Amino acid sequence: MITGAHTILYAEDAEAARAFFRDVLGLAYVDANDGWLIFKSPPAELAVHPSDVPDSGKAELYLMCDDLEATVDELRSKGVEFTSEVINAGWGLLTMLKVPGAGQIGLYQPRHATAYDLP
């Protein structure tokens, strides 16, 4: 039986990215070996979107929140850089934020049914 999912974010500067998830987002973690941090993810869900063949198998990371405006304000106060304005995407309010050393990820407030809290 499947017991979990392990997400990998590739980073040019893994130490900076790890510090972001540890110190800015405050995610709990274990040290698997000599500073190789593995973070506890928030509750998660998986969506499968149709794609053209070149994008098949591609994965993206979007963090979810209940109040995007308040979350953006809190993260900005911690020095987080946002790479886009908040937009209404229909299915939710969306913005993108910079992960130091690892590009950008999405942050959104869903307006769709969610699966992360199903039993």
Protein backbone atom coordinates (compact mmCIF):
# COMPACT_ATOMS: atom_id res chain seq x y z
CA MET A 1 0.00 0.00 0.00
CA ILE A 2 1.23 3.50 -0.78
CA THR A 3 2.17 5.35 2.41
CA GLY A 4 3.19 8.78 1.11
CA ALA A 5 4.65 10.86 -1.68
CA HIS A 6 8.18 12.25 -1.93
CA THR A 7 8.50 15.49 -3.88
CA ILE A 8 11.89 16.54 -5.25
CA LEU A 9 12.77 20.14 -6.05
CA TYR A 10 16.03 20.44 -7.97
CA ALA A 11 18.08 23.48 -6.99
CA GLU A 12 21.22 25.15 -8.27
CA ASP A 13 21.84 26.20 -4.64
CA ALA A 14 20.37 23.44 -2.48
CA GLU A 15 21.56 25.04 0.77
CA ALA A 16 19.71 28.29 0.01
CA ALA A 17 16.56 26.41 -0.99
CA ARG A 18 16.72 24.24 2.14
CA ALA A 19 17.18 27.34 4.31
CA PHE A 20 14.09 28.89 2.69
CA PHE A 21 11.87 25.90 3.47
CA ARG A 22 13.36 25.53 6.97
CA ASP A 23 13.70 29.15 8.12
CA VAL A 24 11.17 31.12 6.09
CA LEU A 25 8.34 28.65 5.57
CA GLY A 26 9.07 26.88 8.87
CA LEU A 27 8.53 23.36 7.55
CA ALA A 28 9.45 20.57 9.97
CA TYR A 29 12.27 18.36 8.74
CA VAL A 30 14.61 15.49 9.47
CA ASP A 31 18.30 15.43 8.68
CA ALA A 32 18.67 12.27 6.62
CA ASN A 33 22.47 12.52 6.54
CA ASP A 34 24.99 15.35 6.99
CA GLY A 35 22.60 18.24 6.30
CA TRP A 36 20.48 16.46 3.69
CA LEU A 37 17.16 17.81 4.94
CA ILE A 38 13.86 16.13 4.12
CA PHE A 39 10.86 18.34 4.86
CA LYS A 40 7.43 17.40 6.05
CA SER A 41 5.04 18.55 3.34
CA PRO A 42 1.73 20.14 4.10
CA PRO A 43 -1.26 17.92 3.33
CA ALA A 44 -1.12 17.22 -0.40
CA GLU A 45 -3.18 16.23 -3.38
CA LEU A 46 -2.33 15.17 -6.93
CA ALA A 47 -3.96 16.48 -10.10
CA VAL A 48 -3.39 15.00 -13.55
CA HIS A 49 -3.70 17.55 -16.35
CA PRO A 50 -3.78 16.81 -20.07
CA SER A 51 -0.58 17.73 -21.87
CA ASP A 52 1.19 17.70 -25.18
CA VAL A 53 3.73 14.89 -25.51
CA PRO A 54 6.81 17.12 -24.77
CA ASP A 55 5.34 18.06 -21.35
CA SER A 56 4.17 14.56 -20.45
CA GLY A 57 5.48 13.56 -17.04
CA LYS A 58 6.35 17.15 -16.06
CA ALA A 59 5.55 18.05 -12.45
CA GLU A 60 5.03 21.43 -10.76
CA LEU A 61 4.81 22.45 -7.11
CA TYR A 62 2.03 24.70 -5.85
CA LEU A 63 1.59 25.43 -2.15
CA MET A 64 -1.99 26.06 -1.03
CA CYS A 65 -3.37 28.45 1.59
CA ASP A 66 -6.73 29.55 2.98
CA ASP A 67 -6.13 33.30 2.63
CA LEU A 68 -3.75 34.29 -0.16
CA GLU A 69 -3.65 37.99 0.71
CA ALA A 70 -2.71 37.32 4.35
CA THR A 71 -0.18 34.64 3.37
CA VAL A 72 1.49 36.92 0.81
CA ASP A 73 1.71 39.70 3.43
CA GLU A 74 3.23 37.31 5.98
CA LEU A 75 5.77 35.91 3.52
CA ARG A 76 6.72 39.39 2.24
CA SER A 77 7.44 40.41 5.84
CA LYS A 78 9.91 37.50 5.93
CA GLY A 79 11.63 38.70 2.76
CA VAL A 80 10.00 36.38 0.23
CA GLU A 81 10.16 37.68 -3.34
CA PHE A 82 7.05 37.24 -5.45
CA THR A 83 7.57 36.91 -9.19
CA SER A 84 4.00 37.64 -10.26
CA GLU A 85 0.99 39.60 -9.17
CA VAL A 86 -2.00 37.78 -7.71
CA ILE A 87 -4.37 36.75 -10.46
CA ASN A 88 -7.83 35.25 -10.40
CA ALA A 89 -7.39 32.04 -12.37
CA GLY A 90 -11.02 31.02 -11.94
CA TRP A 91 -10.12 27.86 -10.02
CA GLY A 92 -8.32 30.01 -7.43
CA LEU A 93 -6.25 33.07 -6.64
CA LEU A 94 -2.67 32.48 -7.79
CA THR A 95 0.78 33.99 -7.46
CA MET A 96 4.33 32.74 -7.93
CA LEU A 97 7.19 33.10 -5.47
CA LYS A 98 10.94 32.73 -5.71
CA VAL A 99 12.69 29.91 -3.87
CA PRO A 100 16.30 31.04 -3.38
CA GLY A 101 18.56 28.82 -5.44
CA ALA A 102 15.67 26.85 -6.95
CA GLY A 103 13.53 28.97 -9.27
CA GLN A 104 9.89 29.61 -8.53
CA ILE A 105 6.84 27.76 -7.24
CA GLY A 106 3.17 28.59 -7.14
CA LEU A 107 1.11 29.69 -4.16
CA TYR A 108 -2.66 29.70 -4.41
CA GLN A 109 -5.96 29.90 -2.58
CA PRO A 110 -8.15 27.22 -4.15
CA ARG A 111 -11.72 27.88 -5.20
CA HIS A 112 -12.18 24.26 -6.28
CA ALA A 113 -13.04 21.22 -4.22
CA THR A 114 -9.91 19.93 -2.48
CA ALA A 115 -8.83 16.37 -1.80
CA TYR A 116 -6.01 16.85 0.72
CA ASP A 117 -8.23 16.30 3.76
CA LEU A 118 -10.15 13.24 2.53
CA PRO A 119 -10.04 10.22 4.85
